[in-house]
C-alpha atoms as a PDB file:
ATOM      1  CA  GLN A   1       0.009  -0.017   0.009  1.00  0.00           C
ATOM      2  CA  VAL A   2       1.274   3.438  -0.892  1.00  0.00           C
ATOM      3  CA  GLN A   3       1.924   5.912   1.857  1.00  0.00           C
ATOM      4  CA  LEU A   4       2.568   9.654   1.343  1.00  0.00           C
ATOM      5  CA  VAL A   5       4.601  12.037   3.484  1.00  0.00           C
ATOM      6  CA  GLU A   6       4.573  15.786   2.790  1.00  0.00           C
ATOM      7  CA  SER A   7       7.282  18.230   3.797  1.00  0.00           C
ATOM      8  CA  GLY A   8       8.439  21.735   3.099  1.00  0.00           C
ATOM      9  CA  GLY A   9       5.710  23.794   4.641  1.00  0.00           C
ATOM     10  CA  GLY A  10       6.450  26.819   6.918  1.00  0.00           C
ATOM     11  CA  LEU A  11       5.953  30.469   7.541  1.00  0.00           C
ATOM     12  CA  VAL A  12       6.814  32.897   4.795  1.00  0.00           C
ATOM     13  CA  GLN A  13       6.154  36.504   3.992  1.00  0.00           C
ATOM     14  CA  ALA A  14       3.884  37.558   1.164  1.00  0.00           C
ATOM     15  CA  GLY A  15       5.758  37.435  -2.117  1.00  0.00           C
ATOM     16  CA  GLY A  16       7.989  34.669  -0.973  1.00  0.00           C
ATOM     17  CA  SER A  17       8.427  31.119  -2.124  1.00  0.00           C
ATOM     18  CA  LEU A  18       8.228  27.594  -0.683  1.00  0.00           C
ATOM     19  CA  ARG A  19       8.681  24.183  -2.245  1.00  0.00           C
ATOM     20  CA  LEU A  20       6.573  21.335  -1.005  1.00  0.00           C
ATOM     21  CA  SER A  21       7.596  17.693  -1.401  1.00  0.00           C
ATOM     22  CA  CYS A  22       5.469  14.547  -1.229  1.00  0.00           C
ATOM     23  CA  ALA A  23       7.373  11.306  -0.960  1.00  0.00           C
ATOM     24  CA  ALA A  24       5.633   8.073  -1.745  1.00  0.00           C
ATOM     25  CA  SER A  25       6.515   4.688  -0.353  1.00  0.00           C
ATOM     26  CA  GLY A  26       5.678   1.443  -2.030  1.00  0.00           C
ATOM     27  CA  SER A  27       5.692   0.535  -5.666  1.00  0.00           C
ATOM     28  CA  GLY A  28       3.934   1.868  -8.742  1.00  0.00           C
ATOM     29  CA  PHE A  29       4.444   5.558  -8.233  1.00  0.00           C
ATOM     30  CA  SER A  30       5.120   6.225 -11.857  1.00  0.00           C
ATOM     31  CA  SER A  31       1.729   4.763 -12.773  1.00  0.00           C
ATOM     32  CA  PHE A  32      -0.221   7.181 -10.514  1.00  0.00           C
ATOM     33  CA  ALA A  33      -1.642  10.589 -11.261  1.00  0.00           C
ATOM     34  CA  MET A  34      -0.899  12.861  -8.301  1.00  0.00           C
ATOM     35  CA  GLY A  35      -2.530  15.982  -6.921  1.00  0.00           C
ATOM     36  CA  TRP A  36      -1.887  18.672  -4.435  1.00  0.00           C
ATOM     37  CA  TYR A  37      -4.852  19.989  -2.395  1.00  0.00           C
ATOM     38  CA  ARG A  38      -5.227  22.542   0.263  1.00  0.00           C
ATOM     39  CA  GLN A  39      -7.661  23.288   3.068  1.00  0.00           C
ATOM     40  CA  ALA A  40      -7.902  26.645   4.776  1.00  0.00           C
ATOM     41  CA  PRO A  41      -9.697  27.001   8.165  1.00  0.00           C
ATOM     42  CA  GLY A  42     -13.449  26.903   7.743  1.00  0.00           C
ATOM     43  CA  LYS A  43     -13.165  26.039   4.064  1.00  0.00           C
ATOM     44  CA  GLN A  44     -13.522  22.891   1.964  1.00  0.00           C
ATOM     45  CA  ARG A  45     -10.479  21.110   0.715  1.00  0.00           C
ATOM     46  CA  GLU A  46      -9.721  22.134  -2.849  1.00  0.00           C
ATOM     47  CA  LEU A  47      -7.552  20.839  -5.686  1.00  0.00           C
ATOM     48  CA  VAL A  48      -4.594  23.121  -6.348  1.00  0.00           C
ATOM     49  CA  ALA A  49      -2.557  21.246  -8.954  1.00  0.00           C
ATOM     50  CA  SER A  50      -2.416  17.855 -10.626  1.00  0.00           C
ATOM     51  CA  ILE A  51      -0.009  15.910 -12.759  1.00  0.00           C
ATOM     52  CA  ASN A  52      -0.734  12.758 -14.751  1.00  0.00           C
ATOM     53  CA  ILE A  53       1.580   9.901 -15.533  1.00  0.00           C
ATOM     54  CA  GLY A  54       2.602  11.603 -18.813  1.00  0.00           C
ATOM     55  CA  GLY A  55       3.567  14.830 -17.038  1.00  0.00           C
ATOM     56  CA  SER A  56       0.612  16.873 -18.117  1.00  0.00           C
ATOM     57  CA  THR A  57      -0.392  19.378 -15.481  1.00  0.00           C
ATOM     58  CA  GLY A  58      -3.469  21.319 -14.373  1.00  0.00           C
ATOM     59  CA  TYR A  59      -3.918  24.183 -11.932  1.00  0.00           C
ATOM     60  CA  ALA A  60      -6.660  26.001 -10.101  1.00  0.00           C
ATOM     61  CA  ASP A  61      -7.214  29.447 -11.465  1.00  0.00           C
ATOM     62  CA  SER A  62      -6.122  31.002  -8.180  1.00  0.00           C
ATOM     63  CA  VAL A  63      -2.561  29.651  -8.521  1.00  0.00           C
ATOM     64  CA  LYS A  64      -1.930  29.627 -12.253  1.00  0.00           C
ATOM     65  CA  GLY A  65       1.292  31.314 -13.107  1.00  0.00           C
ATOM     66  CA  ARG A  66       2.526  31.158  -9.480  1.00  0.00           C
ATOM     67  CA  PHE A  67       2.603  27.419  -8.592  1.00  0.00           C
ATOM     68  CA  THR A  68       4.305  24.574 -10.496  1.00  0.00           C
ATOM     69  CA  ILE A  69       3.738  20.906  -9.915  1.00  0.00           C
ATOM     70  CA  SER A  70       6.406  18.441 -11.013  1.00  0.00           C
ATOM     71  CA  ARG A  71       7.350  14.840 -10.327  1.00  0.00           C
ATOM     72  CA  ASP A  72      10.531  12.767 -10.101  1.00  0.00           C
ATOM     73  CA  ASN A  73       9.612   9.124 -10.645  1.00  0.00           C
ATOM     74  CA  ALA A  74      13.101   7.989  -9.741  1.00  0.00           C
ATOM     75  CA  LYS A  75      12.682   9.476  -6.304  1.00  0.00           C
ATOM     76  CA  ASN A  76       8.956   8.625  -5.972  1.00  0.00           C
ATOM     77  CA  THR A  77       8.330  12.292  -5.216  1.00  0.00           C
ATOM     78  CA  VAL A  78       5.977  14.978  -6.403  1.00  0.00           C
ATOM     79  CA  TYR A  79       6.732  18.655  -5.803  1.00  0.00           C
ATOM     80  CA  LEU A  80       4.837  21.888  -5.577  1.00  0.00           C
ATOM     81  CA  GLN A  81       6.858  24.985  -6.211  1.00  0.00           C
ATOM     82  CA  MET A  82       4.940  28.006  -4.863  1.00  0.00           C
ATOM     83  CA  ASN A  83       6.068  31.491  -5.877  1.00  0.00           C
ATOM     84  CA  LYS A  84       4.600  34.939  -5.225  1.00  0.00           C
ATOM     85  CA  LEU A  85       2.778  33.589  -2.185  1.00  0.00           C
ATOM     86  CA  LYS A  86      -0.231  35.493  -0.897  1.00  0.00           C
ATOM     87  CA  PRO A  87      -1.852  35.453   2.567  1.00  0.00           C
ATOM     88  CA  GLU A  88      -4.880  33.663   0.941  1.00  0.00           C
ATOM     89  CA  ASP A  89      -2.587  30.786   0.171  1.00  0.00           C
ATOM     90  CA  THR A  90      -2.456  29.930   3.846  1.00  0.00           C
ATOM     91  CA  ALA A  91      -3.729  26.445   4.351  1.00  0.00           C
ATOM     92  CA  VAL A  92      -2.766  22.874   5.183  1.00  0.00           C
ATOM     93  CA  TYR A  93      -1.502  21.360   1.945  1.00  0.00           C
ATOM     94  CA  TYR A  94      -1.997  17.648   1.148  1.00  0.00           C
ATOM     95  CA  CYS A  95      -0.953  15.386  -1.617  1.00  0.00           C
ATOM     96  CA  ARG A  96      -3.121  12.576  -2.908  1.00  0.00           C
ATOM     97  CA  VAL A  97      -2.822   9.632  -5.276  1.00  0.00           C
ATOM     98  CA  GLY A  98      -5.171  10.323  -8.138  1.00  0.00           C
ATOM     99  CA  ARG A  99      -8.714  10.297  -6.916  1.00  0.00           C
ATOM    100  CA  SER A 100      -8.021   7.522  -4.379  1.00  0.00           C
ATOM    101  CA  ALA A 101      -8.416   7.526  -0.668  1.00  0.00           C
ATOM    102  CA  THR A 102      -4.651   7.731  -0.205  1.00  0.00           C
ATOM    103  CA  TRP A 103      -3.666  11.073   1.294  1.00  0.00           C
ATOM    104  CA  GLY A 104      -0.631  12.430   3.074  1.00  0.00           C
ATOM    105  CA  GLN A 105      -0.803  13.859   6.578  1.00  0.00           C
ATOM    106  CA  GLY A 106      -0.553  17.466   5.376  1.00  0.00           C
ATOM    107  CA  THR A 107       1.921  20.285   5.769  1.00  0.00           C
ATOM    108  CA  GLN A 108       1.051  23.761   7.046  1.00  0.00           C
ATOM    109  CA  VAL A 109       1.804  26.782   4.894  1.00  0.00           C
ATOM    110  CA  THR A 110       1.375  30.179   6.479  1.00  0.00           C
ATOM    111  CA  VAL A 111       1.848  33.345   4.489  1.00  0.00           C
ATOM    112  CA  SER A 112       2.002  36.602   6.461  1.00  0.00           C
ATOM    113  CA  SER A 113       1.093  39.954   5.015  1.00  0.00           C
END
């Protein structure tokens, strides 16, 4: 069974950058689509970015041009590079295998104004 562990969250000033990592254990990573989601206090969890097995990516309108999702199949890791961060990006960020029930534990991102 695949397990996911996120890292790279933290506190950053508006306009700054962070890179999140999601490391997957188990086999078959290269055959999974992967997604990054976030959940802010009092709000529903939302899809931020996704990447399929061919490397095609998709983004929520709110992060287009600022966030970049990528994957390294040799390292069983998916990344989320976040630039030009805004206070409204503050949330717990989770990675997920496709549309499965496999989620990571989340990593907190806090952007101060």
